[in-house]
Amino acid sequence: MFGILAFRRRSLLLAVSALVYLGTAVAFWVPGWGEPDHPSPDPVVFVLLASMGVASIQAALIIGGRKYGGQVDLNDAPAEVLSALPGLDQQRATAIVSSRTETGRFRSVDELWSRGLLSGPPSKDLVDRLVVVPVQDRR
């Protein structure tokens, strides 16, 4: 539960608390752990738990470092939404919407450059934020 919340809220603190919760649950799950005549749990359990903890922290760090939410469909987004993306101002966003209306829907993000709407290839930040939903030909 905490891991899902950490993923959605992009919180490192929440991911760490999930790891602490998991560790506490494991400590109570292994009955008699630490008592002199009780055998140690299987090392595979510890490796599995450690890898889960590392993965949750890595996910929180990666997702927490992003500045923006989900992806934007280049073929359906209005100019106001496009202008909020990195590297696009209101003028370029309006030109994109006009090109989409006059020339037709985009088939890829690279078409922004080939149509002359960007001065160079789209930046990685922009490519990561845009998606082009495939166009189905109507018959």
N, C-alpha and C. Protein backbone atom coordinates (compact mmCIF):
# COMPACT_ATOMS: atom_id res chain seq x y z
N MET A 1 0.82 -1.19 0.00
CA MET A 1 0.00 0.00 0.00
C MET A 1 0.87 1.25 0.00
N PHE A 2 1.85 1.30 0.89
CA PHE A 2 2.71 2.48 0.96
C PHE A 2 3.51 2.64 -0.32
N GLY A 3 3.93 1.53 -0.91
CA GLY A 3 4.69 1.60 -2.15
C GLY A 3 3.89 2.22 -3.28
N ILE A 4 2.60 1.88 -3.36
CA ILE A 4 1.74 2.47 -4.38
C ILE A 4 1.58 3.96 -4.13
N LEU A 5 1.38 4.36 -2.88
CA LEU A 5 1.27 5.78 -2.56
C LEU A 5 2.55 6.52 -2.88
N ALA A 6 3.69 5.90 -2.60
CA ALA A 6 4.98 6.55 -2.91
C ALA A 6 5.10 6.76 -4.40
N PHE A 7 4.66 5.79 -5.19
CA PHE A 7 4.73 5.91 -6.64
C PHE A 7 3.82 7.03 -7.13
N ARG A 8 2.61 7.11 -6.58
CA ARG A 8 1.67 8.12 -7.04
C ARG A 8 2.03 9.52 -6.55
N ARG A 9 2.51 9.62 -5.34
CA ARG A 9 2.83 10.94 -4.79
C ARG A 9 4.27 11.35 -5.04
N ARG A 10 5.05 10.44 -5.60
CA ARG A 10 6.45 10.72 -5.94
C ARG A 10 7.23 11.18 -4.72
N SER A 11 7.10 10.45 -3.65
CA SER A 11 7.69 10.87 -2.40
C SER A 11 8.75 9.88 -1.94
N LEU A 12 9.96 10.38 -1.77
CA LEU A 12 11.04 9.55 -1.25
C LEU A 12 10.77 9.18 0.21
N LEU A 13 10.25 10.13 0.97
CA LEU A 13 9.95 9.87 2.38
C LEU A 13 8.93 8.74 2.51
N LEU A 14 7.93 8.74 1.66
CA LEU A 14 6.92 7.69 1.71
C LEU A 14 7.52 6.34 1.33
N ALA A 15 8.44 6.33 0.37
CA ALA A 15 9.10 5.08 -0.03
C ALA A 15 9.96 4.55 1.11
N VAL A 16 10.66 5.44 1.81
CA VAL A 16 11.49 5.00 2.94
C VAL A 16 10.60 4.47 4.05
N SER A 17 9.47 5.13 4.30
CA SER A 17 8.57 4.63 5.34
C SER A 17 8.00 3.27 4.96
N ALA A 18 7.77 3.04 3.66
CA ALA A 18 7.32 1.72 3.21
C ALA A 18 8.38 0.67 3.47
N LEU A 19 9.64 1.04 3.26
CA LEU A 19 10.74 0.12 3.52
C LEU A 19 10.84 -0.21 5.00
N VAL A 20 10.69 0.79 5.86
CA VAL A 20 10.73 0.56 7.31
C VAL A 20 9.56 -0.33 7.73
N TYR A 21 8.39 -0.06 7.17
CA TYR A 21 7.22 -0.88 7.47
C TYR A 21 7.46 -2.33 7.06
N LEU A 22 8.03 -2.52 5.87
CA LEU A 22 8.32 -3.87 5.39
C LEU A 22 9.32 -4.57 6.31
N GLY A 23 10.35 -3.85 6.73
CA GLY A 23 11.34 -4.43 7.64
C GLY A 23 10.74 -4.82 8.97
N THR A 24 9.87 -3.96 9.50
CA THR A 24 9.21 -4.26 10.77
C THR A 24 8.29 -5.48 10.62
N ALA A 25 7.57 -5.54 9.51
CA ALA A 25 6.69 -6.68 9.28
C ALA A 25 7.47 -7.98 9.19
N VAL A 26 8.63 -7.94 8.56
CA VAL A 26 9.46 -9.13 8.44
C VAL A 26 10.01 -9.53 9.80
N ALA A 27 10.39 -8.55 10.61
CA ALA A 27 10.93 -8.86 11.94
C ALA A 27 9.90 -9.58 12.79
N PHE A 28 8.63 -9.18 12.66
CA PHE A 28 7.59 -9.86 13.43
C PHE A 28 7.13 -11.15 12.74
N TRP A 29 7.37 -11.25 11.44
CA TRP A 29 6.95 -12.42 10.69
C TRP A 29 7.81 -13.63 11.02
N VAL A 30 9.08 -13.41 11.28
CA VAL A 30 9.99 -14.52 11.58
C VAL A 30 9.91 -14.77 13.09
N PRO A 31 9.15 -15.77 13.51
CA PRO A 31 8.98 -16.01 14.95
C PRO A 31 10.28 -16.48 15.60
N GLY A 32 10.56 -15.93 16.71
CA GLY A 32 11.73 -16.34 17.46
C GLY A 32 13.04 -15.88 16.88
N TRP A 33 13.00 -14.97 15.94
CA TRP A 33 14.22 -14.48 15.31
C TRP A 33 15.09 -13.80 16.35
N GLY A 34 16.30 -14.20 16.45
CA GLY A 34 17.23 -13.62 17.41
C GLY A 34 17.37 -14.44 18.68
N GLU A 35 16.52 -15.42 18.87
CA GLU A 35 16.66 -16.28 20.04
C GLU A 35 17.78 -17.28 19.78
N PRO A 36 18.51 -17.69 20.82
CA PRO A 36 19.71 -18.51 20.64
C PRO A 36 19.47 -19.85 19.94
N ASP A 37 18.39 -20.55 20.24
CA ASP A 37 18.22 -21.88 19.67
C ASP A 37 17.30 -21.90 18.44
N HIS A 38 16.97 -20.75 17.91
CA HIS A 38 16.11 -20.69 16.72
C HIS A 38 16.99 -20.55 15.47
N PRO A 39 16.75 -21.35 14.43
CA PRO A 39 17.57 -21.24 13.22
C PRO A 39 17.28 -19.93 12.47
N SER A 40 18.26 -19.46 11.77
CA SER A 40 18.11 -18.22 10.99
C SER A 40 17.20 -18.48 9.79
N PRO A 41 16.48 -17.45 9.34
CA PRO A 41 15.67 -17.62 8.14
C PRO A 41 16.55 -17.82 6.91
N ASP A 42 15.96 -18.31 5.88
CA ASP A 42 16.67 -18.58 4.63
C ASP A 42 17.25 -17.28 4.07
N PRO A 43 18.52 -17.28 3.65
CA PRO A 43 19.13 -16.06 3.10
C PRO A 43 18.42 -15.53 1.85
N VAL A 44 17.72 -16.40 1.14
CA VAL A 44 16.99 -15.95 -0.04
C VAL A 44 15.92 -14.93 0.34
N VAL A 45 15.32 -15.11 1.51
CA VAL A 45 14.30 -14.16 1.98
C VAL A 45 14.92 -12.78 2.14
N PHE A 46 16.10 -12.71 2.72
CA PHE A 46 16.75 -11.43 2.93
C PHE A 46 17.16 -10.79 1.60
N VAL A 47 17.63 -11.58 0.66
CA VAL A 47 18.00 -11.05 -0.65
C VAL A 47 16.76 -10.49 -1.35
N LEU A 48 15.66 -11.22 -1.29
CA LEU A 48 14.42 -10.77 -1.91
C LEU A 48 13.93 -9.47 -1.29
N LEU A 49 13.93 -9.40 0.03
CA LEU A 49 13.47 -8.19 0.71
C LEU A 49 14.39 -7.01 0.43
N ALA A 50 15.69 -7.24 0.41
CA ALA A 50 16.63 -6.16 0.13
C ALA A 50 16.44 -5.64 -1.29
N SER A 51 16.24 -6.54 -2.25
CA SER A 51 16.05 -6.09 -3.63
C SER A 51 14.74 -5.31 -3.79
N MET A 52 13.69 -5.72 -3.07
CA MET A 52 12.44 -4.97 -3.11
C MET A 52 12.63 -3.58 -2.53
N GLY A 53 13.38 -3.48 -1.45
CA GLY A 53 13.63 -2.17 -0.85
C GLY A 53 14.41 -1.26 -1.76
N VAL A 54 15.46 -1.79 -2.37
CA VAL A 54 16.27 -0.99 -3.29
C VAL A 54 15.43 -0.55 -4.49
N ALA A 55 14.60 -1.43 -5.01
CA ALA A 55 13.76 -1.08 -6.16
C ALA A 55 12.77 0.02 -5.82
N SER A 56 12.19 -0.03 -4.61
CA SER A 56 11.23 1.01 -4.25
C SER A 56 11.91 2.35 -4.06
N ILE A 57 13.12 2.37 -3.53
CA ILE A 57 13.84 3.63 -3.38
C ILE A 57 14.25 4.17 -4.75
N GLN A 58 14.71 3.30 -5.64
CA GLN A 58 15.08 3.75 -6.99
C GLN A 58 13.87 4.32 -7.72
N ALA A 59 12.73 3.67 -7.60
CA ALA A 59 11.52 4.18 -8.25
C ALA A 59 11.13 5.54 -7.69
N ALA A 60 11.23 5.71 -6.39
CA ALA A 60 10.89 7.00 -5.79
C ALA A 60 11.85 8.09 -6.24
N LEU A 61 13.12 7.76 -6.38
CA LEU A 61 14.10 8.75 -6.83
C LEU A 61 13.87 9.13 -8.29
N ILE A 62 13.60 8.14 -9.13
CA ILE A 62 13.39 8.42 -10.55
C ILE A 62 12.12 9.22 -10.76
N ILE A 63 11.04 8.77 -10.16
CA ILE A 63 9.76 9.44 -10.36
C ILE A 63 9.74 10.79 -9.65
N GLY A 64 10.36 10.88 -8.50
CA GLY A 64 10.41 12.15 -7.79
C GLY A 64 11.19 13.21 -8.52
N GLY A 65 12.11 12.82 -9.39
CA GLY A 65 12.91 13.78 -10.13
C GLY A 65 12.20 14.37 -11.34
N ARG A 66 11.08 13.84 -11.72
CA ARG A 66 10.35 14.37 -12.86
C ARG A 66 9.60 15.63 -12.46
N LYS A 67 9.53 16.56 -13.38
CA LYS A 67 8.89 17.83 -13.09
C LYS A 67 7.44 17.88 -13.54
N TYR A 68 7.05 17.01 -14.44
CA TYR A 68 5.74 17.10 -15.04
C TYR A 68 4.98 15.80 -14.84
N GLY A 69 3.67 15.87 -15.07
CA GLY A 69 2.82 14.71 -14.92
C GLY A 69 2.89 13.80 -16.13
N GLY A 70 1.73 13.32 -16.58
CA GLY A 70 1.66 12.36 -17.66
C GLY A 70 1.95 12.95 -19.03
N GLN A 71 1.83 12.11 -20.03
CA GLN A 71 2.11 12.52 -21.40
C GLN A 71 0.91 13.23 -22.02
N VAL A 72 1.21 14.03 -23.04
CA VAL A 72 0.20 14.82 -23.74
C VAL A 72 0.11 14.33 -25.18
N ASP A 73 -1.11 14.11 -25.66
CA ASP A 73 -1.30 13.68 -27.04
C ASP A 73 -1.16 14.89 -27.96
N LEU A 74 -0.20 14.84 -28.85
CA LEU A 74 0.08 15.93 -29.77
C LEU A 74 -1.09 16.21 -30.70
N ASN A 75 -1.90 15.21 -30.99
CA ASN A 75 -3.01 15.38 -31.93
C ASN A 75 -4.30 15.88 -31.29
N ASP A 76 -4.37 15.92 -29.98
CA ASP A 76 -5.62 16.34 -29.34
C ASP A 76 -5.46 17.49 -28.35
N ALA A 77 -4.26 17.81 -27.95
CA ALA A 77 -4.05 18.83 -26.92
C ALA A 77 -4.30 20.23 -27.48
N PRO A 78 -4.99 21.07 -26.71
CA PRO A 78 -5.17 22.46 -27.13
C PRO A 78 -3.88 23.26 -26.94
N ALA A 79 -3.83 24.44 -27.52
CA ALA A 79 -2.63 25.28 -27.46
C ALA A 79 -2.24 25.62 -26.02
N GLU A 80 -3.21 25.79 -25.14
CA GLU A 80 -2.92 26.13 -23.75
C GLU A 80 -2.12 25.02 -23.07
N VAL A 81 -2.46 23.78 -23.36
CA VAL A 81 -1.75 22.64 -22.77
C VAL A 81 -0.36 22.52 -23.39
N LEU A 82 -0.29 22.64 -24.70
CA LEU A 82 1.01 22.52 -25.39
C LEU A 82 1.98 23.61 -24.95
N SER A 83 1.49 24.82 -24.69
CA SER A 83 2.38 25.91 -24.29
C SER A 83 2.99 25.70 -22.91
N ALA A 84 2.42 24.80 -22.12
CA ALA A 84 2.97 24.51 -20.79
C ALA A 84 4.11 23.50 -20.85
N LEU A 85 4.34 22.90 -22.01
CA LEU A 85 5.40 21.89 -22.15
C LEU A 85 6.76 22.57 -22.29
N PRO A 86 7.83 21.87 -21.89
CA PRO A 86 9.17 22.46 -21.98
C PRO A 86 9.58 22.73 -23.43
N GLY A 87 10.00 23.96 -23.69
CA GLY A 87 10.48 24.32 -25.02
C GLY A 87 9.41 24.85 -25.96
N LEU A 88 8.15 24.89 -25.51
CA LEU A 88 7.07 25.41 -26.35
C LEU A 88 6.45 26.64 -25.69
N ASP A 89 6.40 27.73 -26.44
CA ASP A 89 5.71 28.92 -25.93
C ASP A 89 4.33 28.99 -26.58
N GLN A 90 3.57 30.02 -26.25
CA GLN A 90 2.21 30.14 -26.77
C GLN A 90 2.19 30.25 -28.30
N GLN A 91 3.15 30.96 -28.86
CA GLN A 91 3.19 31.14 -30.32
C GLN A 91 3.43 29.80 -31.03
N ARG A 92 4.38 29.02 -30.54
CA ARG A 92 4.65 27.70 -31.17
C ARG A 92 3.47 26.76 -30.96
N ALA A 93 2.86 26.81 -29.78
CA ALA A 93 1.71 25.94 -29.51
C ALA A 93 0.55 26.26 -30.46
N THR A 94 0.32 27.54 -30.69
CA THR A 94 -0.74 27.94 -31.63
C THR A 94 -0.40 27.48 -33.04
N ALA A 95 0.87 27.58 -33.43
CA ALA A 95 1.30 27.12 -34.75
C ALA A 95 1.12 25.61 -34.90
N ILE A 96 1.36 24.86 -33.83
CA ILE A 96 1.18 23.41 -33.86
C ILE A 96 -0.28 23.06 -34.09
N VAL A 97 -1.17 23.74 -33.36
CA VAL A 97 -2.61 23.47 -33.51
C VAL A 97 -3.06 23.85 -34.92
N SER A 98 -2.57 24.98 -35.44
CA SER A 98 -2.93 25.40 -36.81
C SER A 98 -2.44 24.38 -37.84
N SER A 99 -1.21 23.91 -37.68
CA SER A 99 -0.65 22.92 -38.61
C SER A 99 -1.44 21.62 -38.54
N ARG A 100 -1.83 21.25 -37.36
CA ARG A 100 -2.61 20.02 -37.18
C ARG A 100 -3.96 20.15 -37.88
N THR A 101 -4.55 21.33 -37.83
CA THR A 101 -5.85 21.55 -38.45
C THR A 101 -5.73 21.63 -39.97
N GLU A 102 -4.71 22.33 -40.47
CA GLU A 102 -4.57 22.56 -41.91
C GLU A 102 -3.92 21.38 -42.64
N THR A 103 -2.83 20.85 -42.09
CA THR A 103 -2.06 19.81 -42.77
C THR A 103 -2.53 18.41 -42.42
N GLY A 104 -3.08 18.24 -41.25
CA GLY A 104 -3.52 16.92 -40.80
C GLY A 104 -2.82 16.52 -39.52
N ARG A 105 -3.28 15.44 -38.97
CA ARG A 105 -2.75 14.97 -37.68
C ARG A 105 -1.30 14.52 -37.82
N PHE A 106 -0.59 14.60 -36.70
CA PHE A 106 0.82 14.19 -36.67
C PHE A 106 0.91 12.67 -36.58
N ARG A 107 1.91 12.11 -37.22
CA ARG A 107 2.17 10.67 -37.13
C ARG A 107 3.32 10.36 -36.18
N SER A 108 4.14 11.39 -35.86
CA SER A 108 5.23 11.24 -34.90
C SER A 108 5.59 12.61 -34.35
N VAL A 109 6.30 12.61 -33.24
CA VAL A 109 6.75 13.86 -32.62
C VAL A 109 7.78 14.55 -33.51
N ASP A 110 8.56 13.78 -34.25
CA ASP A 110 9.57 14.35 -35.14
C ASP A 110 8.97 15.22 -36.24
N GLU A 111 7.69 15.04 -36.53
CA GLU A 111 7.04 15.88 -37.55
C GLU A 111 7.00 17.34 -37.14
N LEU A 112 7.14 17.64 -35.86
CA LEU A 112 7.20 19.05 -35.44
C LEU A 112 8.36 19.75 -36.14
N TRP A 113 9.46 19.05 -36.28
CA TRP A 113 10.65 19.61 -36.93
C TRP A 113 10.48 19.59 -38.45
N SER A 114 10.01 18.48 -38.99
CA SER A 114 9.88 18.38 -40.45
C SER A 114 8.84 19.35 -41.01
N ARG A 115 7.86 19.73 -40.22
CA ARG A 115 6.86 20.72 -40.66
C ARG A 115 7.33 22.15 -40.41
N GLY A 116 8.51 22.31 -39.83
CA GLY A 116 9.05 23.65 -39.59
C GLY A 116 8.50 24.33 -38.36
N LEU A 117 7.92 23.57 -37.46
CA LEU A 117 7.35 24.15 -36.24
C LEU A 117 8.38 24.30 -35.13
N LEU A 118 9.49 23.59 -35.23
CA LEU A 118 10.61 23.72 -34.30
C LEU A 118 11.86 24.03 -35.11
N SER A 119 12.79 24.77 -34.50
CA SER A 119 14.01 25.15 -35.21
C SER A 119 15.01 23.99 -35.32
N GLY A 120 14.83 22.97 -34.54
CA GLY A 120 15.70 21.80 -34.56
C GLY A 120 14.91 20.58 -34.12
N PRO A 121 15.58 19.45 -33.98
CA PRO A 121 14.88 18.26 -33.49
C PRO A 121 14.31 18.52 -32.09
N PRO A 122 13.18 17.91 -31.76
CA PRO A 122 12.59 18.12 -30.44
C PRO A 122 13.54 17.66 -29.33
N SER A 123 13.55 18.39 -28.23
CA SER A 123 14.41 18.04 -27.10
C SER A 123 13.93 16.75 -26.45
N LYS A 124 14.80 16.14 -25.68
CA LYS A 124 14.44 14.90 -24.98
C LYS A 124 13.29 15.14 -24.00
N ASP A 125 13.32 16.29 -23.31
CA ASP A 125 12.24 16.62 -22.37
C ASP A 125 10.89 16.69 -23.09
N LEU A 126 10.90 17.31 -24.27
CA LEU A 126 9.66 17.44 -25.03
C LEU A 126 9.20 16.08 -25.56
N VAL A 127 10.13 15.30 -26.07
CA VAL A 127 9.79 13.97 -26.59
C VAL A 127 9.23 13.08 -25.48
N ASP A 128 9.79 13.20 -24.26
CA ASP A 128 9.30 12.40 -23.13
C ASP A 128 7.88 12.79 -22.73
N ARG A 129 7.50 14.02 -22.99
CA ARG A 129 6.19 14.51 -22.56
C ARG A 129 5.10 14.34 -23.61
N LEU A 130 5.49 14.19 -24.87
CA LEU A 130 4.50 14.09 -25.95
C LEU A 130 4.30 12.65 -26.39
N VAL A 131 3.11 12.35 -26.79
CA VAL A 131 2.78 11.05 -27.37
C VAL A 131 1.89 11.31 -28.58
N VAL A 132 2.01 10.48 -29.59
CA VAL A 132 1.15 10.58 -30.76
C VAL A 132 0.35 9.29 -30.84
N VAL A 133 -0.95 9.43 -30.61
CA VAL A 133 -1.82 8.26 -30.71
C VAL A 133 -2.00 7.96 -32.19
N PRO A 134 -1.77 6.71 -32.60
CA PRO A 134 -1.84 6.37 -34.03
C PRO A 134 -3.18 6.75 -34.65
N VAL A 135 -3.10 7.23 -35.87
CA VAL A 135 -4.29 7.64 -36.61
C VAL A 135 -4.81 6.44 -37.39
N GLN A 136 -6.09 6.16 -37.24
CA GLN A 136 -6.71 5.07 -37.99
C GLN A 136 -7.33 5.65 -39.25
N ASP A 137 -7.01 5.06 -40.38
CA ASP A 137 -7.61 5.52 -41.64
C ASP A 137 -9.07 5.11 -41.68
N ARG A 138 -9.91 6.06 -42.05
CA ARG A 138 -11.34 5.77 -42.14
C ARG A 138 -11.68 5.42 -43.59
N ARG A 139 -12.47 4.40 -43.76
CA ARG A 139 -12.85 3.97 -45.12
C ARG A 139 -14.33 4.07 -45.28
